[in-house]
Amino acid sequence: MSPLAQLVAIDHALALGALRRSQIADFTVTPLARRRWLECAADPGAGSVPETCARVAMRAAGLHVVVQAPLGNGKRADFLVEGILYVEIDGKSYHSDPGQFTQDRRRDRGIVAERGSVIRFAYADAVYHPDRLVADVVACLEAIRAR
């Protein structure tokens, strides 16, 4: 299993409460260096496989990433990057519902009206093309800072 695949599984187990971060140190087959990385990289706030992939890629690029960033009224964005850019990752199954699609657009308008900028990526962007995702995030950050 690749390190990223193992992290995806650990994030999910943490989110379900089936694993505690402290138990990662007890993994016997996983090499020590990977266990240390997993302990640092694991996050129970990850809501999906693409969210884990995106978070890992953005942090590996040196970006400051807040997971499940509060928006107010109990709503959250998948990520707040560098404190200025909200990033959402849309999986097809969850976001194929017309009501959810509409709600997501309404939330985007609220972010723009009150807080700033939001960009959305698809499952494939995060899972299969994380380098492009990071490049797009960095380009958006540069554009925001230039304003």
N, C-alpha and C. Protein backbone atom coordinates (compact mmCIF):
# COMPACT_ATOMS: atom_id res chain seq x y z
N MET A 1 0.85 -1.18 0.00
CA MET A 1 0.00 0.00 0.00
C MET A 1 0.90 1.24 0.00
N SER A 2 0.55 2.19 -0.84
CA SER A 2 1.34 3.43 -0.89
C SER A 2 1.12 4.23 0.39
N PRO A 3 2.04 5.14 0.70
CA PRO A 3 1.84 5.99 1.89
C PRO A 3 0.52 6.76 1.82
N LEU A 4 0.19 7.30 0.64
CA LEU A 4 -1.04 8.08 0.51
C LEU A 4 -2.27 7.20 0.71
N ALA A 5 -2.27 6.01 0.14
CA ALA A 5 -3.40 5.10 0.32
C ALA A 5 -3.57 4.73 1.79
N GLN A 6 -2.45 4.52 2.47
CA GLN A 6 -2.52 4.20 3.90
C GLN A 6 -3.06 5.39 4.68
N LEU A 7 -2.65 6.59 4.31
CA LEU A 7 -3.15 7.79 4.98
C LEU A 7 -4.65 7.96 4.76
N VAL A 8 -5.12 7.70 3.56
CA VAL A 8 -6.56 7.78 3.28
C VAL A 8 -7.32 6.86 4.22
N ALA A 9 -6.84 5.62 4.37
CA ALA A 9 -7.50 4.66 5.25
C ALA A 9 -7.45 5.13 6.70
N ILE A 10 -6.33 5.67 7.11
CA ILE A 10 -6.19 6.15 8.49
C ILE A 10 -7.09 7.34 8.74
N ASP A 11 -7.14 8.29 7.81
CA ASP A 11 -8.03 9.44 7.97
C ASP A 11 -9.47 8.97 8.17
N HIS A 12 -9.89 8.02 7.37
CA HIS A 12 -11.26 7.50 7.46
C HIS A 12 -11.48 6.82 8.81
N ALA A 13 -10.53 6.02 9.24
CA ALA A 13 -10.66 5.33 10.54
C ALA A 13 -10.69 6.34 11.69
N LEU A 14 -9.88 7.38 11.60
CA LEU A 14 -9.90 8.43 12.63
C LEU A 14 -11.26 9.13 12.67
N ALA A 15 -11.79 9.45 11.48
CA ALA A 15 -13.08 10.14 11.39
C ALA A 15 -14.20 9.29 11.99
N LEU A 16 -14.12 7.99 11.82
CA LEU A 16 -15.14 7.07 12.36
C LEU A 16 -14.95 6.78 13.84
N GLY A 17 -13.78 7.15 14.38
CA GLY A 17 -13.49 6.84 15.77
C GLY A 17 -13.00 5.40 15.95
N ALA A 18 -12.67 4.74 14.84
CA ALA A 18 -12.19 3.36 14.91
C ALA A 18 -10.70 3.28 15.21
N LEU A 19 -10.02 4.42 15.17
CA LEU A 19 -8.59 4.50 15.41
C LEU A 19 -8.29 5.80 16.11
N ARG A 20 -7.30 5.78 16.99
CA ARG A 20 -6.79 7.00 17.61
C ARG A 20 -5.41 7.29 17.03
N ARG A 21 -5.09 8.55 16.88
CA ARG A 21 -3.80 8.93 16.31
C ARG A 21 -2.65 8.26 17.05
N SER A 22 -2.76 8.14 18.36
CA SER A 22 -1.70 7.52 19.17
C SER A 22 -1.46 6.06 18.80
N GLN A 23 -2.44 5.40 18.20
CA GLN A 23 -2.29 3.99 17.82
C GLN A 23 -1.42 3.80 16.58
N ILE A 24 -1.22 4.84 15.81
CA ILE A 24 -0.39 4.74 14.61
C ILE A 24 1.03 4.31 15.00
N ALA A 25 1.53 4.78 16.12
CA ALA A 25 2.87 4.41 16.58
C ALA A 25 2.99 2.92 16.85
N ASP A 26 1.88 2.25 17.07
CA ASP A 26 1.89 0.82 17.37
C ASP A 26 1.84 -0.06 16.13
N PHE A 27 1.73 0.52 14.94
CA PHE A 27 1.71 -0.28 13.71
C PHE A 27 3.03 -1.05 13.63
N THR A 28 2.97 -2.35 13.43
CA THR A 28 4.19 -3.16 13.46
C THR A 28 4.80 -3.41 12.08
N VAL A 29 4.00 -3.37 11.03
CA VAL A 29 4.51 -3.65 9.69
C VAL A 29 4.98 -2.37 9.00
N THR A 30 4.41 -1.26 9.37
CA THR A 30 4.75 0.02 8.75
C THR A 30 6.11 0.51 9.25
N PRO A 31 7.01 0.85 8.35
CA PRO A 31 8.33 1.36 8.76
C PRO A 31 8.21 2.62 9.62
N LEU A 32 9.19 2.81 10.47
CA LEU A 32 9.17 3.91 11.44
C LEU A 32 9.02 5.28 10.76
N ALA A 33 9.77 5.53 9.70
CA ALA A 33 9.69 6.84 9.04
C ALA A 33 8.28 7.09 8.52
N ARG A 34 7.65 6.07 7.96
CA ARG A 34 6.28 6.24 7.47
C ARG A 34 5.32 6.44 8.63
N ARG A 35 5.49 5.70 9.71
CA ARG A 35 4.61 5.88 10.87
C ARG A 35 4.69 7.31 11.37
N ARG A 36 5.86 7.87 11.43
CA ARG A 36 6.02 9.26 11.90
C ARG A 36 5.31 10.23 10.96
N TRP A 37 5.46 9.99 9.64
CA TRP A 37 4.78 10.84 8.66
C TRP A 37 3.27 10.70 8.82
N LEU A 38 2.78 9.47 8.97
CA LEU A 38 1.35 9.23 9.12
C LEU A 38 0.80 9.93 10.37
N GLU A 39 1.56 9.88 11.46
CA GLU A 39 1.12 10.54 12.70
C GLU A 39 0.97 12.05 12.48
N CYS A 40 1.89 12.64 11.74
CA CYS A 40 1.83 14.08 11.48
C CYS A 40 0.78 14.44 10.44
N ALA A 41 0.64 13.61 9.42
CA ALA A 41 -0.22 13.94 8.28
C ALA A 41 -1.69 13.56 8.49
N ALA A 42 -1.96 12.62 9.38
CA ALA A 42 -3.33 12.14 9.57
C ALA A 42 -4.23 13.25 10.10
N ASP A 43 -5.47 13.25 9.62
CA ASP A 43 -6.43 14.29 10.04
C ASP A 43 -7.84 13.71 10.02
N PRO A 44 -8.48 13.64 11.18
CA PRO A 44 -9.83 13.10 11.24
C PRO A 44 -10.87 14.00 10.56
N GLY A 45 -10.48 15.21 10.20
CA GLY A 45 -11.40 16.13 9.54
C GLY A 45 -11.58 15.86 8.06
N ALA A 46 -10.74 14.99 7.51
CA ALA A 46 -10.86 14.68 6.08
C ALA A 46 -12.21 14.04 5.83
N GLY A 47 -12.92 14.59 4.87
CA GLY A 47 -14.26 14.10 4.59
C GLY A 47 -14.33 13.08 3.48
N SER A 48 -13.20 12.86 2.78
CA SER A 48 -13.25 11.97 1.63
C SER A 48 -11.84 11.69 1.14
N VAL A 49 -11.75 10.72 0.23
CA VAL A 49 -10.46 10.39 -0.40
C VAL A 49 -9.86 11.61 -1.09
N PRO A 50 -10.62 12.32 -1.94
CA PRO A 50 -10.00 13.46 -2.61
C PRO A 50 -9.60 14.58 -1.65
N GLU A 51 -10.30 14.73 -0.54
CA GLU A 51 -9.90 15.75 0.43
C GLU A 51 -8.54 15.40 1.04
N THR A 52 -8.32 14.14 1.35
CA THR A 52 -7.01 13.73 1.87
C THR A 52 -5.94 13.98 0.83
N CYS A 53 -6.19 13.59 -0.41
CA CYS A 53 -5.20 13.78 -1.48
C CYS A 53 -4.87 15.26 -1.69
N ALA A 54 -5.89 16.10 -1.70
CA ALA A 54 -5.68 17.53 -1.90
C ALA A 54 -4.90 18.13 -0.73
N ARG A 55 -5.28 17.77 0.49
CA ARG A 55 -4.60 18.29 1.68
C ARG A 55 -3.12 17.93 1.67
N VAL A 56 -2.82 16.68 1.39
CA VAL A 56 -1.43 16.23 1.37
C VAL A 56 -0.64 16.98 0.31
N ALA A 57 -1.21 17.13 -0.88
CA ALA A 57 -0.51 17.82 -1.96
C ALA A 57 -0.27 19.30 -1.62
N MET A 58 -1.29 19.96 -1.09
CA MET A 58 -1.12 21.39 -0.77
C MET A 58 -0.11 21.58 0.35
N ARG A 59 -0.16 20.75 1.38
CA ARG A 59 0.81 20.88 2.48
C ARG A 59 2.21 20.53 2.02
N ALA A 60 2.35 19.53 1.14
CA ALA A 60 3.67 19.18 0.61
C ALA A 60 4.27 20.34 -0.17
N ALA A 61 3.41 21.18 -0.74
CA ALA A 61 3.87 22.37 -1.48
C ALA A 61 4.18 23.54 -0.54
N GLY A 62 4.03 23.31 0.76
CA GLY A 62 4.37 24.35 1.74
C GLY A 62 3.24 25.31 2.05
N LEU A 63 2.03 24.98 1.62
CA LEU A 63 0.88 25.86 1.87
C LEU A 63 0.29 25.60 3.25
N HIS A 64 -0.17 26.65 3.89
CA HIS A 64 -0.87 26.51 5.17
C HIS A 64 -2.33 26.19 4.86
N VAL A 65 -2.78 25.04 5.35
CA VAL A 65 -4.11 24.54 5.02
C VAL A 65 -4.90 24.27 6.30
N VAL A 66 -6.06 24.88 6.43
CA VAL A 66 -6.99 24.60 7.52
C VAL A 66 -8.06 23.67 6.97
N VAL A 67 -8.26 22.55 7.62
CA VAL A 67 -9.24 21.56 7.19
C VAL A 67 -10.59 21.87 7.83
N GLN A 68 -11.66 21.73 7.06
CA GLN A 68 -13.02 21.98 7.54
C GLN A 68 -13.11 23.37 8.16
N ALA A 69 -12.75 24.36 7.38
CA ALA A 69 -12.70 25.75 7.84
C ALA A 69 -14.11 26.28 8.10
N PRO A 70 -14.35 26.80 9.30
CA PRO A 70 -15.69 27.31 9.63
C PRO A 70 -16.08 28.51 8.79
N LEU A 71 -17.35 28.51 8.37
CA LEU A 71 -17.90 29.63 7.59
C LEU A 71 -18.96 30.39 8.38
N GLY A 72 -19.36 29.88 9.53
CA GLY A 72 -20.46 30.46 10.28
C GLY A 72 -21.73 29.68 10.04
N ASN A 73 -22.69 29.85 10.92
CA ASN A 73 -23.97 29.14 10.82
C ASN A 73 -23.80 27.62 10.73
N GLY A 74 -22.73 27.10 11.34
CA GLY A 74 -22.48 25.66 11.34
C GLY A 74 -21.99 25.11 10.02
N LYS A 75 -21.74 25.96 9.05
CA LYS A 75 -21.26 25.51 7.74
C LYS A 75 -19.74 25.55 7.70
N ARG A 76 -19.19 24.72 6.84
CA ARG A 76 -17.74 24.62 6.71
C ARG A 76 -17.34 24.51 5.25
N ALA A 77 -16.14 24.96 4.97
CA ALA A 77 -15.53 24.74 3.66
C ALA A 77 -14.51 23.62 3.83
N ASP A 78 -14.24 22.88 2.78
CA ASP A 78 -13.28 21.79 2.88
C ASP A 78 -11.93 22.30 3.37
N PHE A 79 -11.47 23.42 2.81
CA PHE A 79 -10.17 23.97 3.19
C PHE A 79 -10.17 25.49 3.14
N LEU A 80 -9.35 26.07 3.98
CA LEU A 80 -8.97 27.48 3.87
C LEU A 80 -7.46 27.47 3.70
N VAL A 81 -6.98 27.99 2.57
CA VAL A 81 -5.56 27.94 2.24
C VAL A 81 -4.95 29.33 2.41
N GLU A 82 -3.86 29.37 3.17
CA GLU A 82 -3.12 30.60 3.43
C GLU A 82 -4.02 31.69 4.02
N GLY A 83 -5.11 31.29 4.61
CA GLY A 83 -6.01 32.23 5.27
C GLY A 83 -6.82 33.11 4.34
N ILE A 84 -6.71 32.87 3.01
CA ILE A 84 -7.40 33.77 2.07
C ILE A 84 -8.18 33.09 0.96
N LEU A 85 -7.97 31.81 0.75
CA LEU A 85 -8.63 31.12 -0.37
C LEU A 85 -9.34 29.86 0.14
N TYR A 86 -10.64 29.81 -0.09
CA TYR A 86 -11.41 28.62 0.26
C TYR A 86 -11.36 27.65 -0.91
N VAL A 87 -11.10 26.39 -0.60
CA VAL A 87 -10.99 25.34 -1.62
C VAL A 87 -12.01 24.26 -1.29
N GLU A 88 -12.80 23.91 -2.28
CA GLU A 88 -13.80 22.85 -2.15
C GLU A 88 -13.47 21.72 -3.11
N ILE A 89 -13.66 20.50 -2.66
CA ILE A 89 -13.45 19.32 -3.48
C ILE A 89 -14.81 18.64 -3.65
N ASP A 90 -15.22 18.47 -4.90
CA ASP A 90 -16.54 17.91 -5.18
C ASP A 90 -16.45 16.50 -5.75
N GLY A 91 -16.96 15.55 -4.98
CA GLY A 91 -17.10 14.20 -5.49
C GLY A 91 -18.40 14.09 -6.26
N LYS A 92 -18.41 13.32 -7.33
CA LYS A 92 -19.58 13.24 -8.20
C LYS A 92 -20.81 12.70 -7.49
N SER A 93 -20.65 11.68 -6.66
CA SER A 93 -21.83 11.05 -6.04
C SER A 93 -22.54 12.02 -5.10
N TYR A 94 -21.79 12.75 -4.27
CA TYR A 94 -22.40 13.67 -3.32
C TYR A 94 -22.94 14.91 -4.01
N HIS A 95 -22.24 15.38 -5.00
CA HIS A 95 -22.60 16.64 -5.64
C HIS A 95 -23.45 16.47 -6.90
N SER A 96 -23.89 15.25 -7.18
CA SER A 96 -24.77 15.06 -8.33
C SER A 96 -26.22 15.37 -7.98
N ASP A 97 -26.52 15.45 -6.69
CA ASP A 97 -27.87 15.80 -6.25
C ASP A 97 -28.13 17.27 -6.59
N PRO A 98 -29.21 17.57 -7.31
CA PRO A 98 -29.49 18.97 -7.70
C PRO A 98 -29.60 19.92 -6.50
N GLY A 99 -30.17 19.44 -5.41
CA GLY A 99 -30.29 20.29 -4.22
C GLY A 99 -28.93 20.61 -3.63
N GLN A 100 -28.04 19.62 -3.56
CA GLN A 100 -26.69 19.85 -3.04
C GLN A 100 -25.92 20.78 -3.97
N PHE A 101 -26.09 20.59 -5.26
CA PHE A 101 -25.42 21.45 -6.25
C PHE A 101 -25.83 22.91 -6.03
N THR A 102 -27.12 23.13 -5.86
CA THR A 102 -27.64 24.48 -5.64
C THR A 102 -27.12 25.05 -4.32
N GLN A 103 -27.13 24.23 -3.28
CA GLN A 103 -26.65 24.68 -1.97
C GLN A 103 -25.17 25.06 -2.03
N ASP A 104 -24.37 24.28 -2.77
CA ASP A 104 -22.95 24.60 -2.91
C ASP A 104 -22.74 25.95 -3.59
N ARG A 105 -23.52 26.23 -4.61
CA ARG A 105 -23.39 27.52 -5.30
C ARG A 105 -23.81 28.67 -4.39
N ARG A 106 -24.84 28.45 -3.60
CA ARG A 106 -25.29 29.46 -2.65
C ARG A 106 -24.18 29.74 -1.63
N ARG A 107 -23.54 28.67 -1.16
CA ARG A 107 -22.45 28.83 -0.19
C ARG A 107 -21.29 29.58 -0.84
N ASP A 108 -20.97 29.27 -2.10
CA ASP A 108 -19.90 29.98 -2.80
C ASP A 108 -20.18 31.48 -2.85
N ARG A 109 -21.42 31.82 -3.17
CA ARG A 109 -21.78 33.25 -3.23
C ARG A 109 -21.61 33.91 -1.87
N GLY A 110 -21.96 33.20 -0.82
CA GLY A 110 -21.79 33.73 0.54
C GLY A 110 -20.32 33.95 0.88
N ILE A 111 -19.47 33.02 0.48
CA ILE A 111 -18.03 33.16 0.73
C ILE A 111 -17.51 34.39 0.00
N VAL A 112 -17.87 34.53 -1.25
CA VAL A 112 -17.37 35.65 -2.04
C VAL A 112 -17.90 36.97 -1.48
N ALA A 113 -19.16 37.00 -1.10
CA ALA A 113 -19.77 38.23 -0.58
C ALA A 113 -19.17 38.64 0.76
N GLU A 114 -18.83 37.68 1.60
CA GLU A 114 -18.40 38.00 2.96
C GLU A 114 -16.92 37.83 3.22
N ARG A 115 -16.29 36.90 2.56
CA ARG A 115 -14.95 36.53 2.97
C ARG A 115 -13.89 36.60 1.88
N GLY A 116 -14.26 36.44 0.66
CA GLY A 116 -13.23 36.45 -0.36
C GLY A 116 -13.44 35.48 -1.48
N SER A 117 -12.49 34.60 -1.69
CA SER A 117 -12.46 33.78 -2.88
C SER A 117 -12.65 32.30 -2.57
N VAL A 118 -13.27 31.61 -3.53
CA VAL A 118 -13.47 30.16 -3.43
C VAL A 118 -13.24 29.53 -4.80
N ILE A 119 -12.58 28.39 -4.80
CA ILE A 119 -12.43 27.62 -6.03
C ILE A 119 -12.83 26.18 -5.74
N ARG A 120 -13.30 25.50 -6.78
CA ARG A 120 -13.76 24.12 -6.65
C ARG A 120 -12.95 23.21 -7.58
N PHE A 121 -12.72 22.01 -7.09
CA PHE A 121 -12.05 20.99 -7.87
C PHE A 121 -12.88 19.72 -7.83
N ALA A 122 -12.74 18.92 -8.87
CA ALA A 122 -13.43 17.64 -8.95
C ALA A 122 -12.56 16.54 -8.33
N TYR A 123 -13.19 15.42 -8.06
CA TYR A 123 -12.52 14.24 -7.52
C TYR A 123 -11.24 13.95 -8.31
N ALA A 124 -11.35 13.90 -9.63
CA ALA A 124 -10.21 13.54 -10.47
C ALA A 124 -9.06 14.53 -10.33
N ASP A 125 -9.37 15.80 -10.15
CA ASP A 125 -8.32 16.81 -9.96
C ASP A 125 -7.47 16.47 -8.74
N ALA A 126 -8.13 16.15 -7.63
CA ALA A 126 -7.43 15.90 -6.37
C ALA A 126 -6.72 14.55 -6.36
N VAL A 127 -7.36 13.53 -6.91
CA VAL A 127 -6.81 12.17 -6.82
C VAL A 127 -5.79 11.87 -7.91
N TYR A 128 -6.08 12.29 -9.14
CA TYR A 128 -5.22 11.93 -10.27
C TYR A 128 -4.28 13.04 -10.74
N HIS A 129 -4.59 14.29 -10.38
CA HIS A 129 -3.78 15.42 -10.85
C HIS A 129 -3.50 16.41 -9.71
N PRO A 130 -2.99 15.94 -8.58
CA PRO A 130 -2.77 16.85 -7.45
C PRO A 130 -1.76 17.96 -7.75
N ASP A 131 -0.79 17.70 -8.63
CA ASP A 131 0.18 18.75 -8.96
C ASP A 131 -0.50 19.91 -9.68
N ARG A 132 -1.45 19.60 -10.58
CA ARG A 132 -2.20 20.66 -11.26
C ARG A 132 -3.09 21.40 -10.27
N LEU A 133 -3.70 20.67 -9.34
CA LEU A 133 -4.53 21.29 -8.30
C LEU A 133 -3.69 22.31 -7.53
N VAL A 134 -2.51 21.90 -7.11
CA VAL A 134 -1.63 22.80 -6.35
C VAL A 134 -1.24 24.00 -7.20
N ALA A 135 -0.91 23.77 -8.46
CA ALA A 135 -0.53 24.88 -9.34
C ALA A 135 -1.68 25.87 -9.48
N ASP A 136 -2.90 25.38 -9.61
CA ASP A 136 -4.06 26.26 -9.71
C ASP A 136 -4.29 27.02 -8.41
N VAL A 137 -4.13 26.36 -7.29
CA VAL A 137 -4.29 27.03 -5.99
C VAL A 137 -3.24 28.12 -5.84
N VAL A 138 -2.01 27.81 -6.16
CA VAL A 138 -0.93 28.81 -6.06
C VAL A 138 -1.20 29.99 -6.99
N ALA A 139 -1.66 29.73 -8.20
CA ALA A 139 -1.97 30.81 -9.14
C ALA A 139 -3.09 31.69 -8.59
N CYS A 140 -4.11 31.08 -8.00
CA CYS A 140 -5.20 31.87 -7.40
C CYS A 140 -4.70 32.70 -6.23
N LEU A 141 -3.85 32.10 -5.40
CA LEU A 141 -3.29 32.84 -4.26
C LEU A 141 -2.50 34.05 -4.75
N GLU A 142 -1.69 33.85 -5.78
CA GLU A 142 -0.90 34.96 -6.33
C GLU A 142 -1.80 36.05 -6.87
N ALA A 143 -2.88 35.67 -7.54
CA ALA A 143 -3.81 36.67 -8.09
C ALA A 143 -4.50 37.43 -6.97
N ILE A 144 -4.90 36.74 -5.92
CA ILE A 144 -5.56 37.40 -4.79
C ILE A 144 -4.60 38.38 -4.13
N ARG A 145 -3.39 37.96 -3.92
CA ARG A 145 -2.39 38.83 -3.27
C ARG A 145 -2.03 40.03 -4.12
N ALA A 146 -2.13 39.88 -5.45
CA ALA A 146 -1.79 40.98 -6.35
C ALA A 146 -2.86 42.06 -6.38
N ARG A 147 -4.07 41.70 -5.94
CA ARG A 147 -5.18 42.68 -5.97
C ARG A 147 -5.00 43.74 -4.93
